Every structure is written in structure tokens, then in C-alpha cells.
Amino acid sequence: RTDLLSSSGRNVKTGEDFVATYSAAEPFSAYVFKTIADPFIGKYSLIKVLSGVLKSDSVIYNAEKDAEEKLSRLYV
């Protein structure tokens, strides 16, 4: 299929290699590449969505903290 992009990586918990496919039909996966503290807005993070769909009321799993988090606002 030509509508899918892919990338390889390593699972930090298991050490296994995997191939990530970028598609809206796949489960949600994203990478936070920068967090900024703004005096007017507060803390916000810049993310790269790798697969799936992200909405402003989504509950996502934070692998770094090993916990689920609910998004409050989404700026595009």
C-alpha cells in the first residue's frame, strides 16, 4: 500500500525492534519532542502523531510515567 509510511525503532522496555506504520486506521501513537513553559498558557508539549487520531478529550497512555493522562486542549 502506498498510503502508509513506516519507520523502525526499539521498544525501550523490552529492547525489541519494531516497525511503526503511520496510518489513521492504526491505534494511536505519538512522540513528545518538546515541552514549553509559557507564562500565559502554562506548560504545553509539541508532539508528532505517528498513527491513529488524536482529539482534545482523548485519554492517552504516558509510557514515561506509566500512567494514563487526559488531554485538556489541543492546538493545531
N, C-alpha and C. Protein backbone atom coordinates (compact mmCIF):
# COMPACT_ATOMS: atom_id res chain seq x y z
N ARG A 1 0.83 -1.18 0.00
CA ARG A 1 0.00 0.00 0.00
C ARG A 1 0.87 1.24 0.00
N THR A 2 0.49 2.23 -0.77
CA THR A 2 1.29 3.44 -0.85
C THR A 2 0.81 4.52 0.12
N ASP A 3 -0.33 4.32 0.81
CA ASP A 3 -0.83 5.33 1.73
C ASP A 3 -0.24 5.19 3.13
N LEU A 4 0.61 4.22 3.35
CA LEU A 4 1.24 4.02 4.66
C LEU A 4 2.71 4.40 4.61
N LEU A 5 3.15 5.10 5.62
CA LEU A 5 4.57 5.37 5.80
C LEU A 5 5.04 4.50 6.95
N SER A 6 6.30 4.17 7.01
CA SER A 6 6.77 3.35 8.12
C SER A 6 8.13 3.82 8.60
N SER A 7 8.44 3.43 9.82
CA SER A 7 9.70 3.76 10.44
C SER A 7 10.03 2.65 11.43
N SER A 8 11.30 2.40 11.66
CA SER A 8 11.67 1.37 12.62
C SER A 8 12.16 2.02 13.90
N GLY A 9 12.09 1.27 15.00
CA GLY A 9 12.53 1.78 16.29
C GLY A 9 12.79 0.64 17.25
N ARG A 10 13.02 0.99 18.51
CA ARG A 10 13.29 -0.01 19.53
C ARG A 10 12.39 0.27 20.73
N ASN A 11 11.72 -0.77 21.22
CA ASN A 11 10.89 -0.68 22.41
C ASN A 11 11.82 -0.50 23.60
N VAL A 12 11.68 0.62 24.34
CA VAL A 12 12.60 0.92 25.43
C VAL A 12 12.43 -0.02 26.62
N LYS A 13 11.25 -0.60 26.80
CA LYS A 13 11.04 -1.52 27.92
C LYS A 13 11.55 -2.92 27.63
N THR A 14 11.31 -3.42 26.41
CA THR A 14 11.69 -4.80 26.10
C THR A 14 12.98 -4.91 25.30
N GLY A 15 13.41 -3.82 24.65
CA GLY A 15 14.61 -3.86 23.83
C GLY A 15 14.40 -4.47 22.45
N GLU A 16 13.14 -4.82 22.12
CA GLU A 16 12.85 -5.43 20.82
C GLU A 16 12.70 -4.37 19.74
N ASP A 17 13.13 -4.72 18.53
CA ASP A 17 12.93 -3.84 17.38
C ASP A 17 11.48 -3.96 16.91
N PHE A 18 10.95 -2.85 16.36
CA PHE A 18 9.61 -2.88 15.80
C PHE A 18 9.54 -1.94 14.62
N VAL A 19 8.52 -2.09 13.80
CA VAL A 19 8.27 -1.22 12.67
C VAL A 19 6.97 -0.49 12.92
N ALA A 20 7.01 0.84 12.94
CA ALA A 20 5.81 1.65 13.14
C ALA A 20 5.27 2.08 11.79
N THR A 21 3.97 1.91 11.60
CA THR A 21 3.32 2.38 10.38
C THR A 21 2.49 3.60 10.71
N TYR A 22 2.53 4.60 9.86
CA TYR A 22 1.81 5.85 10.08
C TYR A 22 0.49 5.79 9.33
N SER A 23 -0.60 5.60 10.07
CA SER A 23 -1.91 5.48 9.46
C SER A 23 -2.97 5.88 10.47
N ALA A 24 -4.04 6.55 10.01
CA ALA A 24 -5.15 6.92 10.89
C ALA A 24 -5.93 5.69 11.33
N ALA A 25 -5.82 4.58 10.60
CA ALA A 25 -6.55 3.36 10.94
C ALA A 25 -5.87 2.56 12.05
N GLU A 26 -4.61 2.83 12.33
CA GLU A 26 -3.85 2.12 13.36
C GLU A 26 -4.18 2.70 14.75
N PRO A 27 -3.84 2.01 15.83
CA PRO A 27 -4.02 2.57 17.18
C PRO A 27 -3.16 3.83 17.37
N PHE A 28 -3.59 4.71 18.27
CA PHE A 28 -2.90 5.98 18.49
C PHE A 28 -1.49 5.78 19.03
N SER A 29 -0.54 6.51 18.46
CA SER A 29 0.84 6.53 18.91
C SER A 29 1.41 7.90 18.57
N ALA A 30 2.12 8.50 19.54
CA ALA A 30 2.71 9.82 19.31
C ALA A 30 4.00 9.95 20.10
N TYR A 31 4.79 10.95 19.76
CA TYR A 31 6.06 11.21 20.41
C TYR A 31 6.12 12.68 20.81
N VAL A 32 6.34 12.96 22.09
CA VAL A 32 6.53 14.33 22.57
C VAL A 32 7.99 14.70 22.36
N PHE A 33 8.24 15.72 21.52
CA PHE A 33 9.63 16.07 21.25
C PHE A 33 10.06 17.36 21.93
N LYS A 34 9.11 18.11 22.53
CA LYS A 34 9.50 19.32 23.25
C LYS A 34 8.35 19.75 24.16
N THR A 35 8.69 20.17 25.38
CA THR A 35 7.72 20.73 26.31
C THR A 35 8.16 22.14 26.64
N ILE A 36 7.19 23.09 26.58
CA ILE A 36 7.49 24.51 26.77
C ILE A 36 6.65 25.04 27.92
N ALA A 37 7.26 25.88 28.76
CA ALA A 37 6.53 26.55 29.84
C ALA A 37 6.30 28.00 29.42
N ASP A 38 5.04 28.35 29.19
CA ASP A 38 4.66 29.70 28.77
C ASP A 38 3.99 30.41 29.94
N PRO A 39 4.34 31.67 30.24
CA PRO A 39 3.75 32.34 31.39
C PRO A 39 2.25 32.61 31.25
N PHE A 40 1.73 32.66 30.04
CA PHE A 40 0.31 32.94 29.82
C PHE A 40 -0.52 31.68 29.65
N ILE A 41 0.01 30.68 28.97
CA ILE A 41 -0.73 29.44 28.69
C ILE A 41 -0.44 28.38 29.74
N GLY A 42 0.77 28.32 30.23
CA GLY A 42 1.20 27.25 31.12
C GLY A 42 2.11 26.30 30.36
N LYS A 43 2.21 25.05 30.82
CA LYS A 43 3.05 24.07 30.13
C LYS A 43 2.28 23.46 28.97
N TYR A 44 2.96 23.33 27.83
CA TYR A 44 2.37 22.62 26.69
C TYR A 44 3.46 21.86 25.97
N SER A 45 3.05 20.79 25.31
CA SER A 45 4.01 19.90 24.65
C SER A 45 3.77 19.87 23.15
N LEU A 46 4.86 19.81 22.40
CA LEU A 46 4.80 19.64 20.96
C LEU A 46 4.95 18.16 20.68
N ILE A 47 4.05 17.63 19.86
CA ILE A 47 4.04 16.19 19.61
C ILE A 47 4.04 15.89 18.12
N LYS A 48 4.50 14.71 17.80
CA LYS A 48 4.40 14.18 16.45
C LYS A 48 3.50 12.96 16.53
N VAL A 49 2.35 13.03 15.88
CA VAL A 49 1.42 11.90 15.85
C VAL A 49 1.93 10.91 14.81
N LEU A 50 2.19 9.68 15.24
CA LEU A 50 2.73 8.66 14.36
C LEU A 50 1.64 7.81 13.73
N SER A 51 0.57 7.55 14.49
CA SER A 51 -0.54 6.78 13.94
C SER A 51 -1.79 7.07 14.75
N GLY A 52 -2.93 6.74 14.19
CA GLY A 52 -4.19 6.94 14.88
C GLY A 52 -4.67 8.37 14.79
N VAL A 53 -5.64 8.69 15.64
CA VAL A 53 -6.28 10.01 15.65
C VAL A 53 -6.23 10.56 17.06
N LEU A 54 -5.90 11.83 17.20
CA LEU A 54 -5.83 12.49 18.49
C LEU A 54 -6.92 13.55 18.56
N LYS A 55 -7.72 13.53 19.63
CA LYS A 55 -8.78 14.51 19.84
C LYS A 55 -8.54 15.20 21.16
N SER A 56 -9.16 16.37 21.37
CA SER A 56 -8.88 17.16 22.57
C SER A 56 -9.36 16.50 23.86
N ASP A 57 -10.31 15.58 23.80
CA ASP A 57 -10.78 14.91 25.01
C ASP A 57 -10.24 13.49 25.13
N SER A 58 -9.19 13.17 24.41
CA SER A 58 -8.62 11.82 24.42
C SER A 58 -7.93 11.50 25.74
N VAL A 59 -7.97 10.24 26.14
CA VAL A 59 -7.20 9.75 27.27
C VAL A 59 -6.06 8.93 26.67
N ILE A 60 -4.82 9.34 26.97
CA ILE A 60 -3.66 8.70 26.37
C ILE A 60 -2.79 8.07 27.45
N TYR A 61 -2.00 7.09 27.07
CA TYR A 61 -1.07 6.42 27.98
C TYR A 61 0.29 7.09 27.88
N ASN A 62 0.84 7.54 28.99
CA ASN A 62 2.17 8.14 29.06
C ASN A 62 3.15 7.05 29.49
N ALA A 63 3.95 6.57 28.56
CA ALA A 63 4.89 5.48 28.85
C ALA A 63 6.00 5.93 29.80
N GLU A 64 6.36 7.20 29.77
CA GLU A 64 7.40 7.72 30.66
C GLU A 64 6.98 7.66 32.13
N LYS A 65 5.70 7.99 32.39
CA LYS A 65 5.17 7.98 33.76
C LYS A 65 4.42 6.70 34.09
N ASP A 66 4.21 5.84 33.11
CA ASP A 66 3.45 4.60 33.26
C ASP A 66 2.06 4.88 33.83
N ALA A 67 1.38 5.89 33.21
CA ALA A 67 0.05 6.30 33.68
C ALA A 67 -0.76 6.86 32.51
N GLU A 68 -2.09 6.85 32.67
CA GLU A 68 -2.96 7.46 31.67
C GLU A 68 -3.16 8.93 32.00
N GLU A 69 -3.27 9.76 30.96
CA GLU A 69 -3.48 11.18 31.12
C GLU A 69 -4.57 11.64 30.17
N LYS A 70 -5.37 12.61 30.61
CA LYS A 70 -6.43 13.16 29.77
C LYS A 70 -5.96 14.50 29.22
N LEU A 71 -6.14 14.68 27.92
CA LEU A 71 -5.76 15.94 27.30
C LEU A 71 -6.83 16.98 27.58
N SER A 72 -6.41 18.22 27.81
CA SER A 72 -7.38 19.27 28.08
C SER A 72 -7.64 20.11 26.83
N ARG A 73 -6.60 20.53 26.16
CA ARG A 73 -6.75 21.35 24.96
C ARG A 73 -5.80 20.82 23.89
N LEU A 74 -6.19 21.07 22.65
CA LEU A 74 -5.36 20.64 21.54
C LEU A 74 -5.24 21.82 20.58
N TYR A 75 -4.02 22.29 20.37
CA TYR A 75 -3.76 23.39 19.46
C TYR A 75 -3.14 22.82 18.19
N VAL A 76 -3.64 23.26 17.05
CA VAL A 76 -3.12 22.79 15.77
C VAL A 76 -2.52 23.95 15.03
